[in-house]
Amino acid sequence: MTDWTRAIADDAQGAVITIHVTAGAKKSVCPAGYHEWRNAILCSVTAPAVGGKANRAVLEAMAEAFAISASRISIVGGLSSPQKRIRIAGCSRQEAIATLSPRFMQTGDDTAR
């Protein structure tokens, strides 16, 4: 079992999560596993990586995963890259881990890719 929690850090404004996005996937899933080499949580979205569509889909997927408004989530790094840093405003690292833990158990796939 890998330690996917390494992909989550704290900053002054909230939890910062490193994710690796697969755009144009058959199904939107977040988290979709953990990429140990990239130290990133996997996130798949059906939207294509064109015109910011995938970025908007990532924000929506994260908002759904955290059961919060998408306005609390921002991309703070990697806007045009599949490797992104997402900030969840007002959320601590521990709260982010507690929120995502059950989802990792549901996927049954927290292994390295």
Protein backbone atom coordinates (compact mmCIF):
# COMPACT_ATOMS: atom_id res chain seq x y z
CA MET A 1 0.00 0.00 0.00
CA THR A 2 1.30 3.44 -0.91
CA ASP A 3 1.09 6.60 1.16
CA TRP A 4 -1.16 8.79 -1.01
CA THR A 5 -1.36 11.33 1.83
CA ARG A 6 2.08 12.64 0.76
CA ALA A 7 0.27 14.38 -2.12
CA ILE A 8 -1.47 16.69 0.37
CA ALA A 9 0.17 19.67 2.07
CA ASP A 10 -0.95 22.69 4.08
CA ASP A 11 -0.43 26.34 3.27
CA ALA A 12 -1.71 29.51 4.94
CA GLN A 13 -5.01 29.38 3.02
CA GLY A 14 -5.87 25.68 3.05
CA ALA A 15 -4.91 22.22 1.91
CA VAL A 16 -2.91 21.94 -1.32
CA ILE A 17 -3.32 18.69 -3.21
CA THR A 18 -1.08 17.53 -6.05
CA ILE A 19 -3.15 15.76 -8.69
CA HIS A 20 -2.48 14.18 -12.07
CA VAL A 21 -5.39 14.68 -14.46
CA THR A 22 -6.49 12.41 -17.27
CA ALA A 23 -8.74 14.49 -19.52
CA GLY A 24 -11.13 12.90 -21.99
CA ALA A 25 -11.62 9.81 -19.85
CA LYS A 26 -14.64 7.53 -20.22
CA LYS A 27 -15.73 8.33 -16.65
CA SER A 28 -15.04 11.14 -14.18
CA VAL A 29 -13.48 9.75 -11.01
CA CYS A 30 -11.63 11.64 -8.29
CA PRO A 31 -9.68 10.21 -6.64
CA ALA A 32 -8.94 7.51 -9.18
CA GLY A 33 -5.87 6.17 -7.40
CA TYR A 34 -2.37 7.37 -6.59
CA HIS A 35 0.66 7.84 -8.84
CA GLU A 36 3.60 7.17 -6.55
CA TRP A 37 6.32 8.31 -8.94
CA ARG A 38 4.61 11.67 -9.49
CA ASN A 39 3.44 11.85 -5.87
CA ALA A 40 0.00 12.78 -7.13
CA ILE A 41 -3.58 11.73 -6.64
CA LEU A 42 -5.12 10.62 -9.92
CA CYS A 43 -8.18 12.45 -11.22
CA SER A 44 -10.03 11.43 -14.40
CA VAL A 45 -12.50 13.76 -16.10
CA THR A 46 -14.59 13.25 -19.21
CA ALA A 47 -14.07 16.82 -20.41
CA PRO A 48 -11.39 17.38 -23.06
CA ALA A 49 -8.26 19.42 -22.33
CA VAL A 50 -9.46 22.23 -24.59
CA GLY A 51 -10.44 25.76 -23.66
CA GLY A 52 -10.22 25.16 -19.91
CA LYS A 53 -12.97 22.52 -19.99
CA ALA A 54 -10.87 19.90 -18.18
CA ASN A 55 -9.80 22.43 -15.53
CA ARG A 56 -13.44 23.32 -14.84
CA ALA A 57 -14.30 19.62 -14.66
CA VAL A 58 -11.46 19.05 -12.17
CA LEU A 59 -12.78 21.83 -9.93
CA GLU A 60 -16.27 20.30 -10.11
CA ALA A 61 -14.95 16.80 -9.36
CA MET A 62 -12.98 18.04 -6.36
CA ALA A 63 -15.98 20.04 -5.12
CA GLU A 64 -18.08 16.88 -5.32
CA ALA A 65 -15.42 14.81 -3.53
CA PHE A 66 -15.29 17.36 -0.70
CA ALA A 67 -19.03 18.15 -0.75
CA ILE A 68 -18.29 21.88 -0.93
CA SER A 69 -18.82 24.75 -3.33
CA ALA A 70 -16.42 24.86 -6.28
CA SER A 71 -15.72 28.49 -5.35
CA ARG A 72 -13.57 27.19 -2.45
CA ILE A 73 -11.31 25.30 -4.84
CA SER A 74 -8.64 26.83 -7.06
CA ILE A 75 -5.84 25.64 -9.29
CA VAL A 76 -2.66 27.17 -7.88
CA GLY A 77 -0.18 25.42 -10.18
CA GLY A 78 -0.15 23.57 -13.48
CA LEU A 79 -3.02 25.37 -15.19
CA SER A 80 -1.98 24.03 -18.61
CA SER A 81 -0.42 20.78 -17.42
CA PRO A 82 -1.89 17.42 -16.41
CA GLN A 83 0.07 17.75 -13.15
CA LYS A 84 -1.76 20.33 -11.03
CA ARG A 85 -1.81 21.75 -7.54
CA ILE A 86 -5.30 22.36 -6.18
CA ARG A 87 -6.04 24.44 -3.07
CA ILE A 88 -9.08 23.71 -0.92
CA ALA A 89 -9.62 27.00 0.93
CA GLY A 90 -10.35 26.71 4.64
CA CYS A 91 -9.52 23.00 4.74
CA SER A 92 -6.57 21.60 6.68
CA ARG A 93 -4.36 18.77 5.48
CA GLN A 94 -5.88 16.48 8.10
CA GLU A 95 -9.42 17.36 7.01
CA ALA A 96 -8.50 16.67 3.37
CA ILE A 97 -7.05 13.28 4.30
CA ALA A 98 -10.14 12.41 6.35
CA THR A 99 -12.40 13.39 3.45
CA LEU A 100 -10.50 11.45 0.78
CA SER A 101 -9.72 8.32 2.83
CA PRO A 102 -13.13 6.67 2.36
CA ARG A 103 -12.98 7.39 -1.39
CA PHE A 104 -9.61 5.65 -1.65
CA MET A 105 -11.07 2.66 0.17
CA GLN A 106 -13.99 2.59 -2.30
CA THR A 107 -11.71 2.61 -5.35
CA GLY A 108 -9.58 -0.16 -3.91
CA ASP A 109 -6.81 1.33 -6.02
CA ASP A 110 -4.30 3.35 -4.09
CA THR A 111 -1.36 1.69 -5.75
CA ALA A 112 1.34 3.31 -7.85
CA ARG A 113 0.87 3.65 -11.57
